């Protein structure tokens, strides 16, 4: 029966889901969505949008309608919050994703949102899923903390069955026996969803941990595992946030995270751009050091086997392969000049020279 589902057709071959003119989920580059849990004021959402865009986020998140555990908690600004999100989009160019709770509100939310979020509490609100499938907007479908993988995929099927193929799945943590974290980010099920469907899958490490200090490592783990993006809560003053303060990163923490993920900032701010380069340089240094350690081991083998250190044919093959892989990102001459230097130090390491 599962093989007949639309959601499992072309399993493992990820479909690209476009949002706006520039965002592509599943296109090979991770998409990072960032912003506050709740839209609190026009100045707050615009400040957050400007900051996350500068750090490299490609989409803006923010809740206008908020499903809360307690009926007495902040429930969002509703239609006014949607208008504030639209102003933030106009200010930054970031497409907006926001949650819709009620099928009756869907036309209003779709009027302002570039992507509709079906939250964890509404994952099996089948009337809402069907209406979202007919709304003419891409859908971000969060997994309920108590849902199995099959239940999550069947929820997506409700949207697909209405003719909307533009669905992105979001793993946001499941309920477990562990009280230290708010939820447990289930990367295993997220990877299984990528294997069993054609839909892009992203992770929400903010809800998946409930602790802002864990968000960077979980973000790196999610992208390292091959997921298609991240959904991260960011606020200019997180300790003053009206919702989800404990799991929300500051704009400075988010910028540092994006540098660690090696995602380029979208800004002309010299310090931010230099910070991104510094992060990349650190990664390059670590990789080159590891390469040279391997070269030293190869040198020991060559000396034992009485082999020549310099192997011009292999070096030519390495440079040729890398030049082809670089494509338009780096010229063949640029690749040759960089690897001439790297291979020169590598030969020194193999020879056991002190200068290496």
Protein backbone atom coordinates (compact mmCIF):
# COMPACT_ATOMS: atom_id res chain seq x y z
CA UNK A 1 0.00 0.00 0.00
CA UNK A 2 2.81 2.41 0.90
CA UNK A 3 4.30 2.03 -2.58
CA UNK A 4 1.12 3.51 -4.08
CA UNK A 5 1.41 6.75 -2.11
CA UNK A 6 2.36 9.89 -4.01
CA UNK A 7 4.79 10.78 -1.24
CA UNK A 8 6.87 7.63 -1.82
CA UNK A 9 7.05 7.89 -5.60
CA UNK A 10 10.58 8.55 -6.90
CA UNK A 11 11.87 7.84 -3.38
CA UNK A 12 15.40 9.10 -2.77
CA UNK A 13 15.42 11.47 -5.77
CA UNK A 14 14.84 14.81 -4.05
CA UNK A 15 12.42 17.18 -5.75
CA UNK A 16 13.34 20.86 -5.85
CA UNK A 17 10.77 23.04 -4.11
CA UNK A 18 10.89 26.68 -5.12
CA UNK A 19 9.85 29.51 -2.78
CA UNK A 20 9.79 32.95 -4.35
CA UNK A 21 12.29 33.65 -7.10
CA UNK A 22 15.52 32.64 -5.43
CA UNK A 23 15.00 29.90 -2.82
CA UNK A 24 15.30 26.25 -3.83
CA UNK A 25 14.91 23.46 -1.30
CA UNK A 26 16.53 20.22 -2.42
CA UNK A 27 18.77 21.88 -4.98
CA UNK A 28 22.04 20.78 -3.41
CA UNK A 29 22.64 23.85 -1.25
CA UNK A 30 21.14 24.05 2.26
CA UNK A 31 18.38 26.60 2.83
CA UNK A 32 18.45 28.37 6.19
CA UNK A 33 15.21 29.89 7.49
CA UNK A 34 15.61 32.16 10.49
CA UNK A 35 13.67 34.63 12.58
CA UNK A 36 11.77 34.94 15.84
CA UNK A 37 9.22 32.49 17.16
CA UNK A 38 6.63 35.29 17.32
CA UNK A 39 6.19 38.58 15.54
CA UNK A 40 6.08 41.02 18.46
CA UNK A 41 6.31 44.42 16.76
CA UNK A 42 7.19 45.94 13.42
CA UNK A 43 10.58 47.13 14.63
CA UNK A 44 11.42 43.73 16.13
CA UNK A 45 10.64 41.69 13.01
CA UNK A 46 12.38 44.13 10.68
CA UNK A 47 15.48 44.25 12.90
CA UNK A 48 15.54 40.45 13.02
CA UNK A 49 15.03 40.16 9.25
CA UNK A 50 17.86 42.55 8.45
CA UNK A 51 20.22 40.69 10.80
CA UNK A 52 19.45 37.16 9.62
CA UNK A 53 19.68 38.20 5.97
CA UNK A 54 23.08 39.80 6.60
CA UNK A 55 24.26 36.57 8.23
CA UNK A 56 23.21 34.51 5.19
CA UNK A 57 19.65 33.28 5.86
CA UNK A 58 17.59 32.83 2.70
CA UNK A 59 14.12 32.97 4.29
CA UNK A 60 12.41 34.69 7.21
CA UNK A 61 10.24 32.93 9.78
CA UNK A 62 7.90 34.51 12.29
CA UNK A 63 4.64 33.50 13.92
CA UNK A 64 1.58 35.73 13.50
CA UNK A 65 -0.86 33.08 14.74
CA UNK A 66 0.66 31.15 17.64
CA UNK A 67 -0.57 27.76 18.91
CA UNK A 68 0.34 27.70 22.60
CA UNK A 69 0.05 24.99 25.22
CA UNK A 70 -1.71 27.40 27.57
CA UNK A 71 -4.68 29.46 26.36
CA UNK A 72 -3.35 32.32 28.49
CA UNK A 73 0.03 32.53 26.72
CA UNK A 74 0.74 35.04 23.94
CA UNK A 75 -1.25 33.93 20.89
CA UNK A 76 0.28 36.19 18.26
CA UNK A 77 -0.72 39.43 16.57
CA UNK A 78 -2.80 37.76 13.86
CA UNK A 79 -3.48 39.80 10.73
CA UNK A 80 -1.39 42.70 12.00
CA UNK A 81 1.56 40.32 12.44
CA UNK A 82 1.15 39.20 8.83
CA UNK A 83 1.33 42.81 7.66
CA UNK A 84 4.52 43.28 9.69
CA UNK A 85 6.04 40.21 8.05
CA UNK A 86 5.19 41.67 4.65
CA UNK A 87 7.00 44.90 5.61
CA UNK A 88 10.06 42.89 6.71
CA UNK A 89 10.01 41.06 3.38
CA UNK A 90 9.82 44.37 1.50
CA UNK A 91 12.75 45.68 3.56
CA UNK A 92 15.03 42.67 3.02
CA UNK A 93 13.75 40.67 0.06
CA UNK A 94 13.52 37.52 2.19
CA UNK A 95 10.58 35.21 1.38
CA UNK A 96 8.35 34.59 4.40
CA UNK A 97 7.14 31.36 5.98
CA UNK A 98 4.54 31.57 8.73
CA UNK A 99 2.17 29.18 10.42
CA UNK A 100 -1.53 28.82 9.66
CA UNK A 101 -3.72 27.29 12.37
CA UNK A 102 -7.27 27.43 11.09
CA UNK A 103 -8.60 26.51 7.64
CA UNK A 104 -10.72 29.67 7.79
CA UNK A 105 -7.55 31.81 8.08
CA UNK A 106 -5.77 30.13 5.20
CA UNK A 107 -6.74 32.62 2.43
CA UNK A 108 -5.54 35.52 4.61
CA UNK A 109 -2.24 33.85 5.51
CA UNK A 110 -1.63 32.80 1.89
CA UNK A 111 -2.11 36.43 0.86
CA UNK A 112 0.98 37.41 2.88
CA UNK A 113 3.11 34.26 3.13
CA UNK A 114 5.40 32.84 0.46
CA UNK A 115 5.26 29.46 2.20
CA UNK A 116 2.65 28.03 4.57
CA UNK A 117 3.80 26.28 7.73
CA UNK A 118 1.70 23.48 9.16
CA UNK A 119 2.95 23.24 12.72
CA UNK A 120 3.58 20.19 14.85
CA UNK A 121 0.31 20.54 16.73
CA UNK A 122 -1.63 20.57 13.42
CA UNK A 123 0.25 17.84 11.60
CA UNK A 124 -2.87 15.67 11.56
CA UNK A 125 -5.41 18.46 11.11
CA UNK A 126 -6.62 16.84 7.92
CA UNK A 127 -9.05 19.61 6.96
CA UNK A 128 -6.21 22.13 7.22
CA UNK A 129 -3.86 19.89 5.23
CA UNK A 130 -6.38 19.55 2.41
CA UNK A 131 -7.02 23.29 2.28
CA UNK A 132 -3.26 23.96 2.29
CA UNK A 133 -2.92 21.60 -0.65
CA UNK A 134 -5.28 23.83 -2.62
CA UNK A 135 -3.88 27.20 -1.50
CA UNK A 136 -1.32 27.65 -4.27
CA UNK A 137 1.63 28.01 -1.88
CA UNK A 138 4.52 25.70 -0.95
CA UNK A 139 3.97 23.96 2.38
CA UNK A 140 6.41 23.38 5.25
CA UNK A 141 5.09 20.39 7.20
CA UNK A 142 6.45 19.93 10.70
CA UNK A 143 6.47 16.54 12.36
CA UNK A 144 4.38 16.18 15.49
CA UNK A 145 6.44 15.27 18.58
CA UNK A 146 4.36 12.12 18.97
CA UNK A 147 4.15 11.08 15.31
CA UNK A 148 5.74 8.05 13.71
CA UNK A 149 7.53 8.37 10.41
CA UNK A 150 4.60 6.80 8.57
CA UNK A 151 2.12 9.20 10.20
CA UNK A 152 4.29 12.15 9.15
CA UNK A 153 4.47 10.93 5.56
CA UNK A 154 0.73 10.25 5.43
CA UNK A 155 0.13 13.82 6.60
CA UNK A 156 2.20 15.01 3.64
CA UNK A 157 0.10 12.78 1.41
CA UNK A 158 -3.00 14.84 2.25
CA UNK A 159 -1.30 17.90 0.74
CA UNK A 160 0.07 16.04 -2.28
CA UNK A 161 -3.29 14.43 -2.96
CA UNK A 162 -4.78 17.91 -3.52
CA UNK A 163 -2.30 18.51 -6.35
CA UNK A 164 0.35 20.44 -4.41
CA UNK A 165 3.74 18.78 -4.92
CA UNK A 166 5.70 21.59 -3.26
CA UNK A 167 6.05 20.17 0.24
CA UNK A 168 9.09 20.39 2.52
CA UNK A 169 9.24 18.14 5.59
CA UNK A 170 10.62 19.54 8.85
CA UNK A 171 11.92 17.32 11.66
CA UNK A 172 11.51 19.36 14.86
CA UNK A 173 12.07 16.80 17.60
CA UNK A 174 10.05 14.04 19.20
CA UNK A 175 8.92 13.60 22.79
CA UNK A 176 11.15 11.21 24.72
CA UNK A 177 11.88 10.34 28.37
CA UNK A 178 14.77 12.86 28.50
CA UNK A 179 13.82 16.00 30.48
CA UNK A 180 17.04 17.96 29.86
CA UNK A 181 16.08 18.83 26.30
CA UNK A 182 12.65 20.06 25.31
CA UNK A 183 12.45 17.39 22.59
CA UNK A 184 14.84 14.92 20.98
CA UNK A 185 15.94 15.82 17.45
CA UNK A 186 15.38 12.60 15.50
CA UNK A 187 17.91 12.80 12.66
CA UNK A 188 17.49 9.08 12.00
CA UNK A 189 13.85 9.51 11.02
CA UNK A 190 14.68 12.65 9.05
CA UNK A 191 17.21 10.68 6.99
CA UNK A 192 14.69 7.86 6.58
CA UNK A 193 12.18 10.41 5.27
CA UNK A 194 14.71 11.49 2.63
CA UNK A 195 15.21 7.87 1.58
CA UNK A 196 11.51 7.02 1.51
CA UNK A 197 10.21 10.14 -0.25
CA UNK A 198 11.12 12.61 -2.97
CA UNK A 199 10.53 15.57 -0.66
CA UNK A 200 13.23 17.87 0.77
CA UNK A 201 13.73 17.44 4.52
CA UNK A 202 15.01 20.11 6.90
CA UNK A 203 15.63 20.20 10.67
CA UNK A 204 14.52 22.55 13.42
CA UNK A 205 17.31 22.33 16.04
CA UNK A 206 15.71 25.09 18.12
CA UNK A 207 12.61 23.06 18.98
CA UNK A 208 14.62 19.85 18.66
CA UNK A 209 16.62 20.79 21.75
CA UNK A 210 14.86 23.67 23.49
CA UNK A 211 18.30 24.98 24.46
CA UNK A 212 20.04 27.66 22.44
CA UNK A 213 23.53 26.41 23.38
CA UNK A 214 22.82 23.09 21.62
CA UNK A 215 21.54 24.63 18.38
CA UNK A 216 24.94 25.13 16.66
CA UNK A 217 26.12 21.53 17.07
CA UNK A 218 22.72 20.10 16.09
CA UNK A 219 22.67 22.38 13.03
CA UNK A 220 26.06 21.10 11.91
CA UNK A 221 24.96 17.52 12.53
CA UNK A 222 21.80 17.97 10.45
CA UNK A 223 23.62 19.45 7.47
CA UNK A 224 26.48 16.99 7.84
CA UNK A 225 23.95 14.16 7.66
CA UNK A 226 22.71 15.50 4.34
CA UNK A 227 19.47 17.29 5.21
CA UNK A 228 18.29 20.11 2.96
CA UNK A 229 18.23 22.99 5.40
CA UNK A 230 17.53 24.42 8.83
CA UNK A 231 14.79 26.34 10.62
CA UNK A 232 16.30 28.40 13.44
CA UNK A 233 14.72 30.77 15.95
CA UNK A 234 16.56 34.10 16.16
CA UNK A 235 15.64 37.26 18.06
CA UNK A 236 17.50 40.57 18.49
CA UNK A 237 17.03 40.25 22.28
CA UNK A 238 16.19 36.60 22.94
CA UNK A 239 15.93 36.85 26.72
CA UNK A 240 13.08 39.32 26.23
CA UNK A 241 11.25 37.17 23.65
CA UNK A 242 7.58 36.57 24.47
CA UNK A 243 7.88 32.91 23.42
CA UNK A 244 10.61 30.24 23.20
CA UNK A 245 13.27 32.47 24.78
CA UNK A 246 15.40 29.57 26.07
CA UNK A 247 15.89 28.06 22.61
CA UNK A 248 16.23 31.30 20.64
CA UNK A 249 19.63 32.49 19.42
CA UNK A 250 20.66 36.13 19.41
CA UNK A 251 21.47 37.73 16.09
CA UNK A 252 25.19 37.65 16.99
CA UNK A 253 25.00 33.95 17.89
CA UNK A 254 23.21 33.25 14.62
CA UNK A 255 25.88 35.08 12.62
CA UNK A 256 28.57 33.01 14.33
CA UNK A 257 26.63 29.82 13.57
CA UNK A 258 26.33 30.73 9.89
CA UNK A 259 30.07 31.36 9.73
CA UNK A 260 30.69 27.93 11.25
CA UNK A 261 28.39 26.41 8.63
CA UNK A 262 30.43 28.25 5.97
CA UNK A 263 27.30 29.91 4.59
CA UNK A 264 28.19 33.27 3.06
CA UNK A 265 26.65 36.38 4.59
CA UNK A 266 24.41 38.46 2.30
CA UNK A 267 25.90 41.81 3.16
CA UNK A 268 28.49 44.41 2.22
CA UNK A 269 29.56 44.81 5.85
CA UNK A 270 33.34 44.37 5.81
CA UNK A 271 33.58 42.86 9.29
CA UNK A 272 30.88 40.24 8.60
CA UNK A 273 32.52 39.28 5.32
CA UNK A 274 35.95 39.04 6.95
CA UNK A 275 34.46 36.97 9.76
CA UNK A 276 33.09 34.52 7.19
CA UNK A 277 36.51 34.31 5.51
CA UNK A 278 38.19 33.73 8.88
CA UNK A 279 35.84 30.81 9.54
CA UNK A 280 36.61 29.30 6.13
CA UNK A 281 40.34 29.81 6.67
CA UNK A 282 40.08 27.89 9.92
CA UNK A 283 38.38 24.99 8.15
CA UNK A 284 40.98 25.06 5.37
CA UNK A 285 43.85 25.03 7.86
CA UNK A 286 42.38 22.01 9.62
CA UNK A 287 41.88 20.14 6.34
CA UNK A 288 45.37 20.98 5.07
CA UNK A 289 46.93 19.88 8.39
CA UNK A 290 45.09 16.57 8.12
CA UNK A 291 46.28 16.19 4.51
CA UNK A 292 49.89 16.78 5.54
CA UNK A 293 49.63 14.24 8.35
CA UNK A 294 48.54 11.67 5.77
CA UNK A 295 51.39 12.77 3.48
CA UNK A 296 53.85 12.09 6.29
CA UNK A 297 52.49 8.54 6.64
CA UNK A 298 52.70 8.03 2.87
CA UNK A 299 56.30 9.24 2.98
CA UNK A 300 57.16 6.60 5.58
CA UNK A 301 55.67 3.90 3.33
CA UNK A 302 57.58 5.20 0.31
CA UNK A 303 60.87 5.21 2.19
CA UNK A 304 60.26 1.69 3.40
CA UNK A 305 59.45 0.53 -0.13
CA UNK A 306 62.30 2.58 -1.64
CA UNK A 307 59.90 4.63 -3.78
CA UNK A 308 60.38 8.11 -5.23
CA UNK A 309 58.67 10.91 -3.31
CA UNK A 310 57.86 12.97 -6.39
CA UNK A 311 55.22 11.39 -8.66
CA UNK A 312 54.54 13.92 -11.46
CA UNK A 313 51.87 11.81 -13.17
CA UNK A 314 49.80 11.52 -10.00
CA UNK A 315 50.14 15.23 -9.28
CA UNK A 316 49.02 16.08 -12.83
CA UNK A 317 46.02 13.77 -12.41
CA UNK A 318 45.11 15.39 -9.07
CA UNK A 319 45.19 18.91 -10.52
CA UNK A 320 43.24 17.84 -13.60
CA UNK A 321 40.52 16.16 -11.54
CA UNK A 322 40.16 19.13 -9.22
CA UNK A 323 40.12 21.63 -12.10
CA UNK A 324 37.23 19.73 -13.67
CA UNK A 325 35.37 19.50 -10.36
CA UNK A 326 35.74 23.25 -9.73
CA UNK A 327 33.72 24.11 -12.82
CA UNK A 328 33.11 27.85 -13.04
CA UNK A 329 33.81 28.42 -9.34
CA UNK A 330 37.58 28.59 -9.85
CA UNK A 331 39.70 28.77 -12.99
CA UNK A 332 41.96 25.89 -13.98
CA UNK A 333 44.94 28.21 -13.51
CA UNK A 334 43.73 29.12 -10.03
CA UNK A 335 43.42 25.46 -9.08
CA UNK A 336 46.90 24.75 -10.47
CA UNK A 337 48.50 27.59 -8.49
CA UNK A 338 46.82 26.58 -5.22
CA UNK A 339 47.64 22.90 -5.54
CA UNK A 340 51.18 23.53 -6.72
CA UNK A 341 51.75 25.07 -3.28
CA UNK A 342 49.89 22.33 -1.43
CA UNK A 343 51.65 19.54 -3.32
CA UNK A 344 55.02 21.20 -2.73
CA UNK A 345 54.49 21.14 1.04
CA UNK A 346 53.14 17.60 0.74
CA UNK A 347 56.35 16.44 -0.97
CA UNK A 348 58.35 18.01 1.86
CA UNK A 349 56.23 16.14 4.42
CA UNK A 350 56.76 12.87 2.56
CA UNK A 351 60.48 13.50 2.46
CA UNK A 352 60.52 14.17 6.20
CA UNK A 353 61.96 17.66 5.76
CA UNK A 354 61.85 20.01 8.76
CA UNK A 355 60.55 22.86 6.57
CA UNK A 356 57.27 20.97 6.04
